Structures are given as structure tokens and as C-alpha cells.
Amino acid sequence: MLSQLRPAVVIFLALTLVTGVAYPLLITGVSQVAFSRQAQGSLIERDGHVVGSELIGQAFTGSKYFWSRPSAAGYNGAASTGSNLGPTNPAQLDAVKQRIADLRAAHGDEKPVPIDLVTASASGLDPHITPAAAEYQLERVARERGMTPDAVRQAVVDATEGRTFGLLGEPSVNVLRLNLALDAAQSGE
């Protein structure tokens, strides 16, 4: 028995050092060198203060801002999660109906509401909206900021990210970057 125990303990310790210490340190070191910005959380700073991450959604409630997707996690990165409700749960439908009513009241119209403005993402932290969701909000944001719709539309175009590698996913708009760009344009930066 002892003849089998010793090799098992040695292998256990060796694998623990390789997979639990050496490999994580190697990957962390490579990521810090090759992808430093992403490894640090893709943080966005303004005036020396971190205002957010381009990878984590935030709640924007002011009418002069583009609004993010709803979040089942309350935009809390530590609680990244979707809703625990099934797709046939009446509470899901009630939540979507309420969000549609709220959006139509805020925008003063009966246009079809893009789905990403009324449904939460799986993680609850999606920082992007579709270009259609940005277009839906454009008139309200332009009116509240005292800007022309064309100026706001250009900011949306500038903040629109294409498909990854030109073919994966769909074009999307990073809400934090867009709102910061509009704030900077209004302050003359």
C-alpha cells in the first residue's frame, strides 16, 4: 500500500503545482503582456477616474442618455446571471409588456420596440445594444441634449462596432462609449 501511496502523492503535488500554480501564472503573464488592456478589465477613464468597463453593462436612466438592455442582475458584475424564470412564466411576459409601455411613454410613440430593449441578456451585463435599439432612442436623446438628430446619429455610427473578424456576431453599439462620446461632444472636448 505504501508503495502505491508515495507515487500518488507525488503526482498529486506535481499536478497541483503545474495546473494550480505554474499554468495560471504563465497565462496571467502572457495576458498582461499580449493583452494588457483587456487583462485589466478594459476600463474606461475620464479625468483620471474610472467610469466603467466597455465589457460590463451599466444602468443609464437619464433621458439624455441611451439606455442599456435590461439586466436581471441589476448590472452587478458579482451577480452575473439571467432571470431564473422559464420562458413560459407569466412574469416574463408581464415584465416585457411593462418595459414596452415604459419605453413608449418615454418616447411618445407607438413604433415597434427593438427586442433588446425589453429583454435581458443571459449574463445580465451586456454592454451593447443593436443599432436598431440606438435608432429607436435617437430622437429622445437628441431632443433632451438639444442636438440635431443627425449629430446624434453620427455619434451612433461612430460607436457602432462591426462583426468580430468581419463575420462573427452582429454589429452592436457600446452604450457606455456612446454616452461618453455624446457628453464629450456637448462639453466641447
N, C-alpha and C. Protein backbone atom coordinates (compact mmCIF):
# COMPACT_ATOMS: atom_id res chain seq x y z
N MET A 1 0.82 -1.19 0.00
CA MET A 1 0.00 0.00 0.00
C MET A 1 0.86 1.26 0.00
N LEU A 2 1.89 1.32 0.84
CA LEU A 2 2.76 2.49 0.88
C LEU A 2 3.50 2.67 -0.44
N SER A 3 3.77 1.58 -1.12
CA SER A 3 4.45 1.70 -2.41
C SER A 3 3.56 2.38 -3.45
N GLN A 4 2.26 2.30 -3.29
CA GLN A 4 1.34 2.97 -4.21
C GLN A 4 0.99 4.38 -3.73
N LEU A 5 1.02 4.59 -2.45
CA LEU A 5 0.67 5.89 -1.89
C LEU A 5 1.70 6.96 -2.25
N ARG A 6 2.97 6.63 -2.16
CA ARG A 6 4.02 7.61 -2.44
C ARG A 6 3.92 8.17 -3.87
N PRO A 7 3.83 7.36 -4.93
CA PRO A 7 3.70 7.92 -6.28
C PRO A 7 2.42 8.73 -6.45
N ALA A 8 1.33 8.32 -5.80
CA ALA A 8 0.07 9.06 -5.90
C ALA A 8 0.21 10.45 -5.30
N VAL A 9 0.85 10.56 -4.16
CA VAL A 9 1.06 11.85 -3.51
C VAL A 9 1.99 12.72 -4.35
N VAL A 10 3.05 12.14 -4.88
CA VAL A 10 3.99 12.90 -5.72
C VAL A 10 3.29 13.43 -6.97
N ILE A 11 2.51 12.57 -7.62
CA ILE A 11 1.77 13.01 -8.83
C ILE A 11 0.76 14.09 -8.46
N PHE A 12 0.07 13.90 -7.34
CA PHE A 12 -0.90 14.91 -6.89
C PHE A 12 -0.22 16.26 -6.67
N LEU A 13 0.90 16.28 -5.98
CA LEU A 13 1.61 17.53 -5.73
C LEU A 13 2.16 18.13 -7.02
N ALA A 14 2.70 17.29 -7.89
CA ALA A 14 3.23 17.80 -9.16
C ALA A 14 2.13 18.41 -10.01
N LEU A 15 1.01 17.74 -10.13
CA LEU A 15 -0.10 18.28 -10.92
C LEU A 15 -0.68 19.53 -10.28
N THR A 16 -0.72 19.58 -8.95
CA THR A 16 -1.19 20.78 -8.26
C THR A 16 -0.29 21.96 -8.59
N LEU A 17 1.01 21.76 -8.56
CA LEU A 17 1.96 22.84 -8.89
C LEU A 17 1.84 23.26 -10.35
N VAL A 18 1.72 22.29 -11.25
CA VAL A 18 1.65 22.62 -12.68
C VAL A 18 0.32 23.29 -13.03
N THR A 19 -0.79 22.65 -12.65
CA THR A 19 -2.10 23.18 -13.06
C THR A 19 -2.66 24.26 -12.14
N GLY A 20 -2.21 24.27 -10.90
CA GLY A 20 -2.75 25.24 -9.94
C GLY A 20 -1.87 26.46 -9.73
N VAL A 21 -0.59 26.37 -10.09
CA VAL A 21 0.32 27.49 -9.87
C VAL A 21 1.01 27.92 -11.17
N ALA A 22 1.77 27.01 -11.77
CA ALA A 22 2.58 27.38 -12.93
C ALA A 22 1.72 27.82 -14.12
N TYR A 23 0.72 27.03 -14.48
CA TYR A 23 -0.11 27.37 -15.63
C TYR A 23 -0.86 28.70 -15.43
N PRO A 24 -1.55 28.92 -14.32
CA PRO A 24 -2.21 30.21 -14.12
C PRO A 24 -1.23 31.40 -14.16
N LEU A 25 -0.05 31.23 -13.56
CA LEU A 25 0.94 32.32 -13.61
C LEU A 25 1.41 32.58 -15.03
N LEU A 26 1.62 31.53 -15.81
CA LEU A 26 2.04 31.68 -17.20
C LEU A 26 0.97 32.40 -18.01
N ILE A 27 -0.26 31.96 -17.91
CA ILE A 27 -1.36 32.58 -18.66
C ILE A 27 -1.57 34.03 -18.23
N THR A 28 -1.50 34.29 -16.95
CA THR A 28 -1.63 35.66 -16.46
C THR A 28 -0.51 36.54 -17.01
N GLY A 29 0.70 36.03 -16.99
CA GLY A 29 1.84 36.79 -17.52
C GLY A 29 1.70 37.06 -19.00
N VAL A 30 1.32 36.06 -19.77
CA VAL A 30 1.14 36.24 -21.22
C VAL A 30 0.02 37.25 -21.49
N SER A 31 -1.08 37.14 -20.76
CA SER A 31 -2.19 38.08 -21.00
C SER A 31 -1.81 39.50 -20.61
N GLN A 32 -1.03 39.67 -19.56
CA GLN A 32 -0.61 41.02 -19.15
C GLN A 32 0.29 41.65 -20.22
N VAL A 33 1.08 40.83 -20.90
CA VAL A 33 1.99 41.35 -21.93
C VAL A 33 1.26 41.51 -23.26
N ALA A 34 0.56 40.48 -23.69
CA ALA A 34 -0.06 40.49 -25.02
C ALA A 34 -1.38 41.26 -25.06
N PHE A 35 -2.14 41.22 -23.99
CA PHE A 35 -3.47 41.85 -23.96
C PHE A 35 -3.65 42.65 -22.67
N SER A 36 -2.75 43.55 -22.41
CA SER A 36 -2.72 44.26 -21.14
C SER A 36 -4.04 44.97 -20.82
N ARG A 37 -4.58 45.71 -21.77
CA ARG A 37 -5.80 46.47 -21.54
C ARG A 37 -6.97 45.55 -21.18
N GLN A 38 -7.13 44.47 -21.95
CA GLN A 38 -8.23 43.54 -21.67
C GLN A 38 -8.01 42.81 -20.35
N ALA A 39 -6.76 42.45 -20.05
CA ALA A 39 -6.47 41.74 -18.80
C ALA A 39 -6.77 42.61 -17.58
N GLN A 40 -6.73 43.91 -17.76
CA GLN A 40 -7.03 44.84 -16.67
C GLN A 40 -8.51 45.21 -16.62
N GLY A 41 -9.34 44.60 -17.48
CA GLY A 41 -10.79 44.82 -17.42
C GLY A 41 -11.32 45.78 -18.45
N SER A 42 -10.52 46.22 -19.41
CA SER A 42 -10.97 47.16 -20.45
C SER A 42 -11.65 48.38 -19.82
N LEU A 43 -11.00 48.93 -18.82
CA LEU A 43 -11.56 50.06 -18.08
C LEU A 43 -11.48 51.34 -18.90
N ILE A 44 -12.49 52.17 -18.74
CA ILE A 44 -12.55 53.46 -19.42
C ILE A 44 -12.40 54.54 -18.35
N GLU A 45 -11.45 55.43 -18.57
CA GLU A 45 -11.20 56.52 -17.61
C GLU A 45 -11.55 57.86 -18.23
N ARG A 46 -12.04 58.76 -17.39
CA ARG A 46 -12.28 60.15 -17.78
C ARG A 46 -11.78 61.02 -16.63
N ASP A 47 -10.94 61.95 -16.95
CA ASP A 47 -10.39 62.87 -15.94
C ASP A 47 -9.73 62.12 -14.79
N GLY A 48 -9.04 61.03 -15.10
CA GLY A 48 -8.31 60.27 -14.10
C GLY A 48 -9.16 59.36 -13.23
N HIS A 49 -10.46 59.24 -13.55
CA HIS A 49 -11.35 58.38 -12.77
C HIS A 49 -11.93 57.31 -13.68
N VAL A 50 -12.00 56.10 -13.16
CA VAL A 50 -12.61 55.01 -13.90
C VAL A 50 -14.13 55.23 -13.90
N VAL A 51 -14.72 55.25 -15.11
CA VAL A 51 -16.16 55.45 -15.22
C VAL A 51 -16.89 54.17 -15.61
N GLY A 52 -16.12 53.13 -15.92
CA GLY A 52 -16.75 51.86 -16.26
C GLY A 52 -15.83 51.00 -17.08
N SER A 53 -16.37 49.89 -17.49
CA SER A 53 -15.67 48.95 -18.36
C SER A 53 -16.47 48.83 -19.65
N GLU A 54 -15.77 48.75 -20.76
CA GLU A 54 -16.50 48.59 -22.01
C GLU A 54 -17.05 47.17 -22.15
N LEU A 55 -16.75 46.30 -21.20
CA LEU A 55 -17.21 44.92 -21.25
C LEU A 55 -18.39 44.63 -20.32
N ILE A 56 -18.75 45.58 -19.45
CA ILE A 56 -19.80 45.38 -18.46
C ILE A 56 -20.87 46.45 -18.65
N GLY A 57 -22.11 46.03 -18.81
CA GLY A 57 -23.21 46.97 -18.98
C GLY A 57 -23.45 47.81 -17.73
N GLN A 58 -24.00 48.99 -17.94
CA GLN A 58 -24.33 49.88 -16.84
C GLN A 58 -25.75 50.40 -17.02
N ALA A 59 -26.35 50.79 -15.94
CA ALA A 59 -27.69 51.38 -16.00
C ALA A 59 -27.57 52.86 -16.30
N PHE A 60 -28.24 53.29 -17.34
CA PHE A 60 -28.35 54.72 -17.65
C PHE A 60 -29.83 55.04 -17.58
N THR A 61 -30.20 55.96 -16.70
CA THR A 61 -31.61 56.25 -16.51
C THR A 61 -32.00 57.64 -16.97
N GLY A 62 -31.05 58.55 -17.08
CA GLY A 62 -31.36 59.90 -17.52
C GLY A 62 -31.87 59.92 -18.94
N SER A 63 -32.82 60.79 -19.22
CA SER A 63 -33.43 60.82 -20.56
C SER A 63 -32.47 61.32 -21.63
N LYS A 64 -31.35 61.95 -21.25
CA LYS A 64 -30.39 62.42 -22.25
C LYS A 64 -29.40 61.33 -22.65
N TYR A 65 -29.54 60.16 -22.04
CA TYR A 65 -28.64 59.04 -22.33
C TYR A 65 -29.34 57.93 -23.10
N PHE A 66 -28.55 57.21 -23.88
CA PHE A 66 -29.04 55.97 -24.47
C PHE A 66 -29.12 54.96 -23.34
N TRP A 67 -30.18 54.18 -23.35
CA TRP A 67 -30.39 53.20 -22.29
C TRP A 67 -29.87 51.84 -22.71
N SER A 68 -29.34 51.11 -21.75
CA SER A 68 -28.82 49.77 -21.98
C SER A 68 -29.94 48.75 -21.99
N ARG A 69 -29.56 47.51 -22.30
CA ARG A 69 -30.50 46.40 -22.17
C ARG A 69 -30.89 46.26 -20.71
N PRO A 70 -32.09 45.77 -20.44
CA PRO A 70 -32.45 45.47 -19.04
C PRO A 70 -31.50 44.41 -18.48
N SER A 71 -31.35 44.42 -17.17
CA SER A 71 -30.44 43.47 -16.52
C SER A 71 -31.15 42.74 -15.40
N ALA A 72 -31.17 41.41 -15.49
CA ALA A 72 -31.73 40.60 -14.41
C ALA A 72 -30.81 40.63 -13.19
N ALA A 73 -29.55 41.01 -13.40
CA ALA A 73 -28.55 41.05 -12.32
C ALA A 73 -28.43 42.44 -11.71
N GLY A 74 -29.23 43.38 -12.17
CA GLY A 74 -29.12 44.74 -11.65
C GLY A 74 -27.78 45.38 -12.00
N TYR A 75 -27.18 44.97 -13.12
CA TYR A 75 -25.88 45.46 -13.59
C TYR A 75 -24.77 45.24 -12.57
N ASN A 76 -24.91 44.21 -11.75
CA ASN A 76 -23.93 43.87 -10.72
C ASN A 76 -23.03 42.77 -11.26
N GLY A 77 -21.76 43.11 -11.52
CA GLY A 77 -20.83 42.14 -12.06
C GLY A 77 -20.60 40.94 -11.17
N ALA A 78 -20.77 41.09 -9.88
CA ALA A 78 -20.59 39.98 -8.96
C ALA A 78 -21.77 39.02 -8.99
N ALA A 79 -22.89 39.48 -9.54
CA ALA A 79 -24.09 38.65 -9.58
C ALA A 79 -24.52 38.37 -11.01
N SER A 80 -23.57 38.21 -11.90
CA SER A 80 -23.87 37.98 -13.31
C SER A 80 -24.79 36.79 -13.47
N THR A 81 -25.98 37.06 -13.96
CA THR A 81 -26.97 36.00 -14.13
C THR A 81 -28.12 36.48 -14.98
N GLY A 82 -28.79 35.55 -15.56
CA GLY A 82 -30.06 35.85 -16.21
C GLY A 82 -31.18 35.64 -15.21
N SER A 83 -32.38 35.77 -15.69
CA SER A 83 -33.53 35.53 -14.83
C SER A 83 -33.65 34.03 -14.55
N ASN A 84 -34.20 33.70 -13.44
CA ASN A 84 -34.42 32.29 -13.10
C ASN A 84 -35.80 31.85 -13.56
N LEU A 85 -36.50 32.71 -14.29
CA LEU A 85 -37.84 32.39 -14.76
C LEU A 85 -37.78 31.68 -16.11
N GLY A 86 -38.65 30.71 -16.28
CA GLY A 86 -38.72 29.99 -17.54
C GLY A 86 -39.41 30.84 -18.61
N PRO A 87 -39.26 30.47 -19.88
CA PRO A 87 -39.82 31.28 -20.96
C PRO A 87 -41.34 31.33 -20.98
N THR A 88 -41.99 30.38 -20.33
CA THR A 88 -43.46 30.39 -20.30
C THR A 88 -44.01 31.00 -19.02
N ASN A 89 -43.15 31.47 -18.14
CA ASN A 89 -43.59 32.07 -16.88
C ASN A 89 -44.29 33.39 -17.19
N PRO A 90 -45.50 33.58 -16.70
CA PRO A 90 -46.24 34.82 -16.98
C PRO A 90 -45.50 36.08 -16.51
N ALA A 91 -44.65 35.97 -15.51
CA ALA A 91 -43.90 37.14 -15.03
C ALA A 91 -42.96 37.67 -16.10
N GLN A 92 -42.43 36.76 -16.93
CA GLN A 92 -41.57 37.20 -18.05
C GLN A 92 -42.36 38.09 -19.00
N LEU A 93 -43.52 37.62 -19.42
CA LEU A 93 -44.36 38.37 -20.35
C LEU A 93 -44.80 39.70 -19.73
N ASP A 94 -45.16 39.68 -18.45
CA ASP A 94 -45.57 40.91 -17.76
C ASP A 94 -44.42 41.92 -17.74
N ALA A 95 -43.19 41.44 -17.48
CA ALA A 95 -42.03 42.34 -17.44
C ALA A 95 -41.79 42.97 -18.81
N VAL A 96 -41.90 42.17 -19.87
CA VAL A 96 -41.69 42.70 -21.22
C VAL A 96 -42.78 43.71 -21.57
N LYS A 97 -44.02 43.40 -21.24
CA LYS A 97 -45.13 44.33 -21.51
C LYS A 97 -44.91 45.66 -20.78
N GLN A 98 -44.46 45.58 -19.53
CA GLN A 98 -44.22 46.80 -18.76
C GLN A 98 -43.08 47.62 -19.36
N ARG A 99 -42.00 46.94 -19.79
CA ARG A 99 -40.88 47.64 -20.41
C ARG A 99 -41.30 48.31 -21.71
N ILE A 100 -42.13 47.64 -22.49
CA ILE A 100 -42.63 48.24 -23.74
C ILE A 100 -43.45 49.48 -23.42
N ALA A 101 -44.34 49.38 -22.45
CA ALA A 101 -45.16 50.53 -22.06
C ALA A 101 -44.30 51.68 -21.58
N ASP A 102 -43.28 51.38 -20.77
CA ASP A 102 -42.39 52.43 -20.26
C ASP A 102 -41.62 53.10 -21.40
N LEU A 103 -41.11 52.31 -22.32
CA LEU A 103 -40.36 52.88 -23.45
C LEU A 103 -41.26 53.73 -24.34
N ARG A 104 -42.45 53.26 -24.62
CA ARG A 104 -43.37 54.04 -25.46
C ARG A 104 -43.77 55.33 -24.77
N ALA A 105 -43.95 55.30 -23.47
CA ALA A 105 -44.28 56.52 -22.73
C ALA A 105 -43.10 57.50 -22.77
N ALA A 106 -41.90 57.02 -22.62
CA ALA A 106 -40.71 57.89 -22.62
C ALA A 106 -40.44 58.46 -24.00
N HIS A 107 -40.80 57.72 -25.05
CA HIS A 107 -40.50 58.17 -26.41
C HIS A 107 -41.72 58.78 -27.09
N GLY A 108 -42.89 58.66 -26.49
CA GLY A 108 -44.09 59.29 -27.03
C GLY A 108 -44.50 58.76 -28.39
N ASP A 109 -44.35 57.47 -28.61
CA ASP A 109 -44.75 56.91 -29.90
C ASP A 109 -45.21 55.47 -29.74
N GLU A 110 -45.70 54.92 -30.82
CA GLU A 110 -46.16 53.54 -30.83
C GLU A 110 -45.33 52.68 -31.78
N LYS A 111 -44.12 53.14 -32.11
CA LYS A 111 -43.26 52.36 -33.01
C LYS A 111 -42.93 51.02 -32.36
N PRO A 112 -42.65 50.01 -33.20
CA PRO A 112 -42.20 48.73 -32.64
C PRO A 112 -40.90 48.92 -31.84
N VAL A 113 -40.85 48.32 -30.67
CA VAL A 113 -39.69 48.45 -29.79
C VAL A 113 -38.72 47.30 -30.08
N PRO A 114 -37.45 47.62 -30.34
CA PRO A 114 -36.47 46.53 -30.57
C PRO A 114 -36.41 45.60 -29.37
N ILE A 115 -36.29 44.33 -29.65
CA ILE A 115 -36.38 43.30 -28.61
C ILE A 115 -35.29 43.43 -27.55
N ASP A 116 -34.11 43.94 -27.93
CA ASP A 116 -33.05 44.01 -26.92
C ASP A 116 -33.28 45.12 -25.91
N LEU A 117 -34.25 45.98 -26.12
CA LEU A 117 -34.58 47.00 -25.12
C LEU A 117 -35.60 46.50 -24.10
N VAL A 118 -36.16 45.31 -24.34
CA VAL A 118 -37.17 44.80 -23.42
C VAL A 118 -36.83 43.43 -22.84
N THR A 119 -35.76 42.81 -23.34
CA THR A 119 -35.35 41.50 -22.81
C THR A 119 -33.94 41.60 -22.27
N ALA A 120 -33.70 40.96 -21.13
CA ALA A 120 -32.37 40.98 -20.53
C ALA A 120 -31.47 39.95 -21.22
N SER A 121 -30.19 40.24 -21.22
CA SER A 121 -29.23 39.28 -21.78
C SER A 121 -29.03 38.12 -20.80
N ALA A 122 -28.43 37.06 -21.27
CA ALA A 122 -28.22 35.88 -20.42
C ALA A 122 -27.34 36.19 -19.22
N SER A 123 -26.35 37.07 -19.39
CA SER A 123 -25.47 37.40 -18.27
C SER A 123 -26.02 38.53 -17.41
N GLY A 124 -26.93 39.31 -17.98
CA GLY A 124 -27.43 40.47 -17.27
C GLY A 124 -26.46 41.64 -17.29
N LEU A 125 -25.36 41.52 -18.07
CA LEU A 125 -24.31 42.54 -18.08
C LEU A 125 -23.93 42.99 -19.48
N ASP A 126 -24.76 42.74 -20.46
CA ASP A 126 -24.42 43.06 -21.84
C ASP A 126 -24.23 44.57 -22.02
N PRO A 127 -23.04 45.00 -22.46
CA PRO A 127 -22.79 46.43 -22.61
C PRO A 127 -23.25 47.01 -23.94
N HIS A 128 -23.81 46.17 -24.81
CA HIS A 128 -24.17 46.60 -26.16
C HIS A 128 -25.67 46.57 -26.39
N ILE A 129 -26.08 47.40 -27.33
CA ILE A 129 -27.43 47.33 -27.89
C ILE A 129 -27.27 47.23 -29.40
N THR A 130 -28.33 46.87 -30.06
CA THR A 130 -28.30 46.80 -31.52
C THR A 130 -28.38 48.21 -32.10
N PRO A 131 -27.92 48.40 -33.34
CA PRO A 131 -28.11 49.70 -33.99
C PRO A 131 -29.59 50.08 -34.05
N ALA A 132 -30.48 49.11 -34.20
CA ALA A 132 -31.92 49.40 -34.22
C ALA A 132 -32.39 49.97 -32.88
N ALA A 133 -31.86 49.44 -31.77
CA ALA A 133 -32.22 49.95 -30.44
C ALA A 133 -31.70 51.38 -30.26
N ALA A 134 -30.53 51.67 -30.80
CA ALA A 134 -29.99 53.03 -30.74
C ALA A 134 -30.85 53.97 -31.58
N GLU A 135 -31.23 53.51 -32.76
CA GLU A 135 -32.08 54.33 -33.64
C GLU A 135 -33.42 54.62 -32.98
N TYR A 136 -33.97 53.65 -32.28
CA TYR A 136 -35.25 53.84 -31.60
C TYR A 136 -35.15 54.97 -30.57
N GLN A 137 -34.03 55.09 -29.89
CA GLN A 137 -33.85 56.08 -28.82
C GLN A 137 -33.32 57.42 -29.33
N LEU A 138 -32.92 57.47 -30.57
CA LEU A 138 -32.19 58.62 -31.11
C LEU A 138 -32.93 59.95 -30.96
N GLU A 139 -34.18 60.00 -31.33
CA GLU A 139 -34.95 61.26 -31.27
C GLU A 139 -35.03 61.79 -29.83
N ARG A 140 -35.29 60.90 -28.89
CA ARG A 140 -35.38 61.32 -27.48
C ARG A 140 -34.06 61.90 -27.00
N VAL A 141 -32.97 61.22 -27.29
CA VAL A 141 -31.65 61.68 -26.84
C VAL A 141 -31.31 63.01 -27.49
N ALA A 142 -31.56 63.14 -28.78
CA ALA A 142 -31.27 64.40 -29.49
C ALA A 142 -32.09 65.54 -28.89
N ARG A 143 -33.37 65.29 -28.65
CA ARG A 143 -34.25 66.33 -28.07
C ARG A 143 -33.77 66.73 -26.68
N GLU A 144 -33.46 65.77 -25.83
CA GLU A 144 -33.04 66.05 -24.46
C GLU A 144 -31.68 66.75 -24.39
N ARG A 145 -30.82 66.48 -25.34
CA ARG A 145 -29.49 67.09 -25.36
C ARG A 145 -29.46 68.40 -26.15
N GLY A 146 -30.55 68.71 -26.85
CA GLY A 146 -30.57 69.91 -27.68
C GLY A 146 -29.64 69.79 -28.88
N MET A 147 -29.48 68.57 -29.36
CA MET A 147 -28.62 68.31 -30.51
C MET A 147 -29.49 67.93 -31.71
N THR A 148 -28.93 68.03 -32.89
CA THR A 148 -29.67 67.60 -34.07
C THR A 148 -29.65 66.08 -34.13
N PRO A 149 -30.72 65.50 -34.66
CA PRO A 149 -30.73 64.04 -34.82
C PRO A 149 -29.55 63.54 -35.66
N ASP A 150 -29.14 64.33 -36.65
CA ASP A 150 -28.01 63.91 -37.49
C ASP A 150 -26.71 63.85 -36.70
N ALA A 151 -26.51 64.78 -35.77
CA ALA A 151 -25.30 64.77 -34.95
C ALA A 151 -25.29 63.55 -34.02
N VAL A 152 -26.44 63.24 -33.44
CA VAL A 152 -26.53 62.08 -32.56
C VAL A 152 -26.38 60.80 -33.38
N ARG A 153 -26.99 60.78 -34.57
CA ARG A 153 -26.87 59.60 -35.45
C ARG A 153 -25.41 59.35 -35.81
N GLN A 154 -24.66 60.41 -36.06
CA GLN A 154 -23.25 60.24 -36.38
C GLN A 154 -22.48 59.66 -35.19
N ALA A 155 -22.84 60.08 -33.99
CA ALA A 155 -22.20 59.50 -32.79
C ALA A 155 -22.53 58.01 -32.68
N VAL A 156 -23.75 57.63 -33.03
CA VAL A 156 -24.14 56.22 -33.02
C VAL A 156 -23.31 55.46 -34.04
N VAL A 157 -23.19 56.02 -35.23
CA VAL A 157 -22.39 55.36 -36.28
C VAL A 157 -20.95 55.20 -35.82
N ASP A 158 -20.39 56.23 -35.20
CA ASP A 158 -19.01 56.16 -34.71
C ASP A 158 -18.83 55.12 -33.60
N ALA A 159 -19.88 54.90 -32.81
CA ALA A 159 -19.80 53.95 -31.69
C ALA A 159 -20.21 52.53 -32.08
N THR A 160 -20.64 52.36 -33.32
CA THR A 160 -21.06 51.03 -33.76
C THR A 160 -19.85 50.17 -34.07
N GLU A 161 -19.83 49.00 -33.47
CA GLU A 161 -18.75 48.03 -33.68
C GLU A 161 -19.24 46.99 -34.67
N GLY A 162 -18.39 46.65 -35.61
CA GLY A 162 -18.76 45.66 -36.62
C GLY A 162 -18.68 44.25 -36.09
N ARG A 163 -18.87 43.31 -36.98
CA ARG A 163 -18.78 41.89 -36.64
C ARG A 163 -17.35 41.54 -36.28
N THR A 164 -17.18 40.62 -35.34
CA THR A 164 -15.85 40.15 -34.97
C THR A 164 -15.24 39.41 -36.15
N PHE A 165 -14.03 39.78 -36.52
CA PHE A 165 -13.32 39.21 -37.67
C PHE A 165 -14.12 39.37 -38.96
N GLY A 166 -15.06 40.32 -38.97
CA GLY A 166 -15.84 40.59 -40.16
C GLY A 166 -16.97 39.60 -40.43
N LEU A 167 -17.11 38.56 -39.59
CA LEU A 167 -18.17 37.59 -39.86
C LEU A 167 -18.87 37.00 -38.65
N LEU A 168 -18.35 37.19 -37.46
CA LEU A 168 -18.99 36.62 -36.27
C LEU A 168 -19.86 37.66 -35.57
N GLY A 169 -21.06 37.28 -35.22
CA GLY A 169 -21.95 38.16 -34.49
C GLY A 169 -22.60 39.19 -35.39
N GLU A 170 -23.19 40.17 -34.78
CA GLU A 170 -23.89 41.25 -35.47
C GLU A 170 -23.30 42.59 -35.05
N PRO A 171 -23.44 43.62 -35.87
CA PRO A 171 -22.98 44.95 -35.43
C PRO A 171 -23.69 45.35 -34.13
N SER A 172 -22.98 46.05 -33.28
CA SER A 172 -23.55 46.46 -31.99
C SER A 172 -23.00 47.82 -31.59
N VAL A 173 -23.69 48.43 -30.65
CA VAL A 173 -23.31 49.76 -30.17
C VAL A 173 -22.98 49.64 -28.69
N ASN A 174 -21.78 50.06 -28.30
CA ASN A 174 -21.38 50.05 -26.90
C ASN A 174 -22.01 51.28 -26.24
N VAL A 175 -22.94 51.05 -25.33
CA VAL A 175 -23.74 52.13 -24.74
C VAL A 175 -22.88 53.11 -23.93
N LEU A 176 -21.96 52.60 -23.13
CA LEU A 176 -21.10 53.47 -22.33
C LEU A 176 -20.25 54.37 -23.22
N ARG A 177 -19.61 53.79 -24.23
CA ARG A 177 -18.78 54.58 -25.14
C ARG A 177 -19.62 55.65 -25.86
N LEU A 178 -20.82 55.28 -26.30
CA LEU A 178 -21.69 56.23 -26.98
C LEU A 178 -22.09 57.38 -26.07
N ASN A 179 -22.51 57.08 -24.86
CA ASN A 179 -22.92 58.13 -23.93
C ASN A 179 -21.75 59.04 -23.55
N LEU A 180 -20.56 58.46 -23.38
CA LEU A 180 -19.38 59.28 -23.08
C LEU A 180 -19.02 60.18 -24.26
N ALA A 181 -19.15 59.66 -25.47
CA ALA A 181 -18.86 60.47 -26.66
C ALA A 181 -19.84 61.64 -26.77
N LEU A 182 -21.11 61.40 -26.46
CA LEU A 182 -22.09 62.49 -26.51
C LEU A 182 -21.82 63.52 -25.42
N ASP A 183 -21.46 63.06 -24.22
CA ASP A 183 -21.09 64.01 -23.16
C ASP A 183 -19.89 64.85 -23.56
N ALA A 184 -18.89 64.21 -24.17
CA ALA A 184 -17.68 64.94 -24.59
C ALA A 184 -18.03 65.93 -25.69
N ALA A 185 -18.89 65.55 -26.63
CA ALA A 185 -19.26 66.46 -27.71
C ALA A 185 -19.99 67.69 -27.17
N GLN A 186 -20.80 67.49 -26.14
CA GLN A 186 -21.53 68.62 -25.57
C GLN A 186 -20.65 69.51 -24.73
N SER A 187 -19.62 68.94 -24.13
CA SER A 187 -18.74 69.77 -23.29
C SER A 187 -17.61 70.40 -24.11
N GLY A 188 -17.55 70.05 -25.39
CA GLY A 188 -16.55 70.64 -26.27
C GLY A 188 -15.19 69.99 -26.21
N GLU A 189 -15.11 68.78 -25.67
CA GLU A 189 -13.81 68.08 -25.58
C GLU A 189 -13.40 67.54 -26.93
